[in-house]
């Protein structure tokens, strides 16, 4: 095999495999299982006695994973020019470096190299290790669910921003009014508008922790109105996302793709 055929085969193996490409499917499954092992290791490592007794195993999983993910990332950058969108040897690779999937791959790698390159204390190391949970986003290459989520958020971003602005407006207005009504009766609980926003968040989301609540008649009346408004406003993003997912799944059912190039025929 010559240089070009090796690069092309590397690209085919690293991309989401076709049903009849055994090696590509094997590599896909291996990466998926490795990601799951990483997430499981991060979760179990937070248990003190497990970390103490099995630290060597956790370290081996991390070292092995970093080696695999680094090799995978290097080969992806090398072979990505086989894709028409990134066909330029320099410009194409630079374009890929700033793509969604490339950034996700970097987030999966960078935390492991930070302690090796920069002197940091134990707290930073713990935070860096927690960032390893970003590796679960690598599954977006192999699972259509992640693609649907990303598509829905991108297609509905204007509606989501509008609904978020409405929620924030209601939060600020309700917290300000409640502060002026309840401050005199409860100067500790409603000491300022920012402090009152904790009550606003708990009320508008209908969580109602009960640690901060109005005791005056007017305050209780206003809290009831705000709670009712909160139910309606917080349902807006849920409705927008539900509609977006429905449309995305419907389009996916109607879409026909070419077996060879993967492009949509419809």
Protein backbone atom coordinates (compact mmCIF):
# COMPACT_ATOMS: atom_id res chain seq x y z
CA UNK A 1 0.00 0.00 0.00
CA UNK A 2 1.27 3.47 -0.90
CA UNK A 3 1.08 6.67 1.18
CA UNK A 4 -2.25 7.88 -0.25
CA UNK A 5 -4.00 4.54 0.13
CA UNK A 6 -2.81 4.23 3.75
CA UNK A 7 -4.12 7.73 4.52
CA UNK A 8 -7.43 7.00 2.85
CA UNK A 9 -7.82 3.72 4.73
CA UNK A 10 -6.93 5.47 8.00
CA UNK A 11 -9.68 8.02 7.36
CA UNK A 12 -12.21 5.28 6.58
CA UNK A 13 -11.35 3.38 9.76
CA UNK A 14 -11.48 6.44 12.04
CA UNK A 15 -14.76 7.73 10.67
CA UNK A 16 -18.02 6.17 11.80
CA UNK A 17 -17.86 2.77 10.16
CA UNK A 18 -20.16 1.33 7.55
CA UNK A 19 -21.93 -1.91 8.41
CA UNK A 20 -19.75 -3.88 5.97
CA UNK A 21 -16.42 -2.37 7.15
CA UNK A 22 -15.36 -4.70 9.95
CA UNK A 23 -12.18 -2.89 10.96
CA UNK A 24 -13.87 0.48 11.09
CA UNK A 25 -16.68 -0.95 13.22
CA UNK A 26 -14.16 -2.62 15.54
CA UNK A 27 -12.26 0.64 16.04
CA UNK A 28 -15.53 2.49 16.67
CA UNK A 29 -16.60 -0.02 19.31
CA UNK A 30 -13.17 0.02 20.93
CA UNK A 31 -13.23 3.84 21.25
CA UNK A 32 -16.81 3.79 22.57
CA UNK A 33 -16.00 1.18 25.22
CA UNK A 34 -12.83 3.05 26.18
CA UNK A 35 -14.85 6.24 26.70
CA UNK A 36 -17.30 4.39 28.94
CA UNK A 37 -14.40 2.94 30.95
CA UNK A 38 -13.00 6.47 31.35
CA UNK A 39 -16.28 7.87 32.65
CA UNK A 40 -16.66 4.91 35.01
CA UNK A 41 -13.10 5.42 36.27
CA UNK A 42 -13.69 9.13 36.92
CA UNK A 43 -16.85 8.33 38.90
CA UNK A 44 -15.32 5.50 40.93
CA UNK A 45 -12.11 7.44 41.59
CA UNK A 46 -14.14 9.95 43.60
CA UNK A 47 -14.78 7.22 46.21
CA UNK A 48 -11.89 7.57 48.67
CA UNK A 49 -11.41 3.90 49.55
CA UNK A 50 -11.56 2.84 45.89
CA UNK A 51 -9.03 5.49 44.95
CA UNK A 52 -6.73 4.39 47.77
CA UNK A 53 -6.91 0.67 46.99
CA UNK A 54 -7.00 0.81 43.19
CA UNK A 55 -5.04 3.94 42.32
CA UNK A 56 -2.67 1.93 40.11
CA UNK A 57 -5.58 0.67 38.02
CA UNK A 58 -7.02 4.17 37.65
CA UNK A 59 -3.61 5.50 36.62
CA UNK A 60 -3.19 2.71 34.06
CA UNK A 61 -6.63 3.41 32.54
CA UNK A 62 -5.79 7.10 32.28
CA UNK A 63 -2.35 6.52 30.76
CA UNK A 64 -3.67 3.95 28.28
CA UNK A 65 -6.58 6.19 27.31
CA UNK A 66 -4.38 9.21 26.75
CA UNK A 67 -2.07 7.20 24.51
CA UNK A 68 -5.00 5.91 22.46
CA UNK A 69 -6.78 9.28 22.22
CA UNK A 70 -3.54 11.06 21.29
CA UNK A 71 -2.75 8.58 18.52
CA UNK A 72 -6.36 8.79 17.31
CA UNK A 73 -6.23 12.60 17.22
CA UNK A 74 -2.93 12.68 15.33
CA UNK A 75 -4.21 10.20 12.75
CA UNK A 76 -7.44 12.17 12.37
CA UNK A 77 -5.55 15.38 11.62
CA UNK A 78 -3.27 13.52 9.20
CA UNK A 79 -6.05 11.73 7.30
CA UNK A 80 -8.80 14.39 7.46
CA UNK A 81 -7.73 15.79 4.08
CA UNK A 82 -9.43 12.77 2.52
CA UNK A 83 -12.72 14.47 3.32
CA UNK A 84 -13.71 16.95 0.63
CA UNK A 85 -14.61 19.65 3.16
CA UNK A 86 -11.03 19.59 4.56
CA UNK A 87 -9.14 18.68 1.39
CA UNK A 88 -6.46 21.39 1.65
CA UNK A 89 -3.25 20.05 3.24
CA UNK A 90 -2.80 23.15 5.42
CA UNK A 91 -6.01 25.15 5.20
CA UNK A 92 -8.12 22.02 5.46
CA UNK A 93 -6.36 20.81 8.58
CA UNK A 94 -6.53 24.28 10.19
CA UNK A 95 -10.24 24.39 9.43
CA UNK A 96 -10.69 20.97 11.01
CA UNK A 97 -8.76 22.03 14.15
CA UNK A 98 -11.51 24.56 14.90
CA UNK A 99 -14.40 22.24 14.08
CA UNK A 100 -16.79 20.93 16.72
CA UNK A 101 -15.45 17.37 16.81
CA UNK A 102 -11.81 18.48 16.88
CA UNK A 103 -12.46 20.75 19.86
CA UNK A 104 -14.18 17.88 21.66
CA UNK A 105 -11.15 15.68 21.01
CA UNK A 106 -8.86 18.38 22.42
CA UNK A 107 -11.02 18.69 25.54
CA UNK A 108 -10.56 14.96 26.03
CA UNK A 109 -6.76 15.28 25.78
CA UNK A 110 -5.75 18.62 27.28
CA UNK A 111 -6.60 17.84 30.95
CA UNK A 112 -4.12 14.97 31.00
CA UNK A 113 -1.23 17.09 29.72
CA UNK A 114 -1.77 20.18 31.89
CA UNK A 115 -0.14 18.70 35.06
CA UNK A 116 2.81 17.53 32.94
CA UNK A 117 3.43 20.93 31.35
CA UNK A 118 2.51 23.31 34.17
CA UNK A 119 3.20 23.15 37.91
CA UNK A 120 -0.20 23.15 39.63
CA UNK A 121 -1.44 22.38 43.13
CA UNK A 122 -3.63 19.45 44.19
CA UNK A 123 -6.91 21.37 43.90
CA UNK A 124 -6.24 22.28 40.29
CA UNK A 125 -5.28 18.68 39.53
CA UNK A 126 -8.58 17.47 40.97
CA UNK A 127 -10.44 20.00 38.84
CA UNK A 128 -8.48 19.00 35.75
CA UNK A 129 -9.27 15.34 36.36
CA UNK A 130 -12.95 16.17 36.63
CA UNK A 131 -12.78 17.77 33.18
CA UNK A 132 -12.08 14.27 31.86
CA UNK A 133 -15.85 13.83 31.92
CA UNK A 134 -15.83 15.82 28.67
CA UNK A 135 -14.69 12.61 27.03
CA UNK A 136 -18.29 11.49 27.02
CA UNK A 137 -18.85 14.12 24.29
CA UNK A 138 -16.61 12.06 22.01
CA UNK A 139 -19.55 9.68 21.76
CA UNK A 140 -21.24 12.31 19.57
CA UNK A 141 -19.21 10.88 16.66
CA UNK A 142 -20.81 7.48 17.06
CA UNK A 143 -24.33 8.24 18.33
CA UNK A 144 -27.00 10.07 16.37
CA UNK A 145 -28.61 11.27 19.61
CA UNK A 146 -25.78 13.77 20.17
CA UNK A 147 -26.12 14.99 16.60
CA UNK A 148 -29.83 15.58 17.11
CA UNK A 149 -29.18 17.49 20.34
CA UNK A 150 -26.59 19.73 18.68
CA UNK A 151 -28.84 20.30 15.65
CA UNK A 152 -31.85 21.20 17.82
CA UNK A 153 -29.92 23.71 19.94
CA UNK A 154 -28.42 25.35 16.82
CA UNK A 155 -31.72 25.51 14.94
CA UNK A 156 -33.70 26.81 17.94
CA UNK A 157 -31.08 29.14 19.40
CA UNK A 158 -33.05 32.32 18.67
CA UNK A 159 -36.20 31.01 20.36
CA UNK A 160 -34.18 29.71 23.32
CA UNK A 161 -32.43 33.07 23.74
CA UNK A 162 -35.79 34.89 23.70
CA UNK A 163 -37.29 32.54 26.29
CA UNK A 164 -34.16 32.83 28.45
CA UNK A 165 -34.38 36.64 28.29
CA UNK A 166 -38.04 36.48 29.36
CA UNK A 167 -37.17 34.21 32.29
CA UNK A 168 -34.31 36.47 33.41
CA UNK A 169 -36.54 39.53 33.14
CA UNK A 170 -39.19 37.91 35.31
CA UNK A 171 -36.53 36.82 37.81
CA UNK A 172 -35.12 40.34 38.17
CA UNK A 173 -38.54 42.02 38.39
CA UNK A 174 -39.99 39.50 40.87
CA UNK A 175 -36.88 39.55 43.07
CA UNK A 176 -36.83 43.36 43.12
CA UNK A 177 -40.51 43.62 44.07
CA UNK A 178 -40.20 40.94 46.73
CA UNK A 179 -37.17 42.68 48.21
CA UNK A 180 -39.10 45.93 48.68
CA UNK A 181 -42.09 44.09 50.14
CA UNK A 182 -40.26 41.71 52.51
CA UNK A 183 -37.04 43.52 53.41
CA UNK A 184 -38.50 45.32 56.39
CA UNK A 185 -40.16 42.17 57.77
CA UNK A 186 -37.18 39.85 57.07
CA UNK A 187 -33.99 41.92 56.75
CA UNK A 188 -31.77 38.83 57.01
CA UNK A 189 -33.57 36.62 54.45
CA UNK A 190 -34.27 39.44 51.96
CA UNK A 191 -31.20 41.57 52.64
CA UNK A 192 -30.69 42.70 49.04
CA UNK A 193 -32.00 42.15 45.53
CA UNK A 194 -29.18 39.70 44.64
CA UNK A 195 -29.89 37.75 47.86
CA UNK A 196 -33.62 37.75 47.05
CA UNK A 197 -32.85 36.20 43.66
CA UNK A 198 -32.25 32.90 45.46
CA UNK A 199 -35.91 32.99 46.49
CA UNK A 200 -36.80 33.99 42.91
CA UNK A 201 -34.97 31.03 41.38
CA UNK A 202 -36.48 28.55 43.87
CA UNK A 203 -39.98 29.95 43.28
CA UNK A 204 -39.94 30.39 39.51
CA UNK A 205 -38.56 26.90 39.00
CA UNK A 206 -41.23 25.59 41.43
CA UNK A 207 -38.51 23.88 43.47
CA UNK A 208 -39.52 25.68 46.64
CA UNK A 209 -36.76 24.72 49.07
CA UNK A 210 -38.53 26.56 51.88
CA UNK A 211 -35.42 28.15 53.40
CA UNK A 212 -36.49 31.62 52.21
CA UNK A 213 -40.17 32.53 51.88
CA UNK A 214 -42.40 35.61 52.34
CA UNK A 215 -44.36 36.07 55.57
CA UNK A 216 -46.35 39.22 54.80
CA UNK A 217 -49.76 39.03 53.13
CA UNK A 218 -48.68 41.04 50.10
CA UNK A 219 -45.50 39.00 49.82
CA UNK A 220 -47.42 35.72 49.83
CA UNK A 221 -49.83 37.04 47.19
CA UNK A 222 -46.95 38.14 44.96
CA UNK A 223 -45.16 34.81 45.48
CA UNK A 224 -48.26 32.95 44.27
CA UNK A 225 -48.46 35.11 41.13
CA UNK A 226 -44.76 34.66 40.44
CA UNK A 227 -44.98 30.89 40.90
CA UNK A 228 -47.84 30.65 38.37
CA UNK A 229 -45.98 32.84 35.88
CA UNK A 230 -42.83 30.79 36.46
CA UNK A 231 -44.57 27.56 35.51
CA UNK A 232 -45.63 29.06 32.18
CA UNK A 233 -42.35 30.73 31.33
CA UNK A 234 -40.14 27.80 32.31
CA UNK A 235 -42.30 25.55 30.13
CA UNK A 236 -41.37 27.62 27.07
CA UNK A 237 -37.84 26.21 26.57
CA UNK A 238 -39.16 22.68 27.13
CA UNK A 239 -41.79 23.20 24.43
CA UNK A 240 -39.27 24.71 22.03
CA UNK A 241 -36.84 21.81 22.51
CA UNK A 242 -39.62 19.20 22.23
CA UNK A 243 -40.78 20.73 18.95
CA UNK A 244 -37.19 20.88 17.72
CA UNK A 245 -36.54 17.23 18.54
CA UNK A 246 -39.77 16.19 16.84
CA UNK A 247 -38.86 18.07 13.66
CA UNK A 248 -35.28 16.76 13.69
CA UNK A 249 -36.37 13.14 14.09
CA UNK A 250 -39.01 13.53 11.37
CA UNK A 251 -36.44 14.93 8.94
CA UNK A 252 -34.05 12.12 9.83
CA UNK A 253 -36.68 9.53 8.94
CA UNK A 254 -37.35 11.15 5.57
CA UNK A 255 -33.66 11.57 4.73
CA UNK A 256 -32.06 9.19 2.24
CA UNK A 257 -28.27 9.10 2.08
CA UNK A 258 -25.91 7.79 -0.54
CA UNK A 259 -24.21 4.56 0.57
CA UNK A 260 -20.86 5.60 -0.92
CA UNK A 261 -20.44 9.31 -0.12
CA UNK A 262 -22.85 9.67 2.80
CA UNK A 263 -24.49 12.79 1.32
CA UNK A 264 -28.24 13.37 1.44
CA UNK A 265 -30.07 12.43 -1.76
CA UNK A 266 -33.34 14.20 -0.89
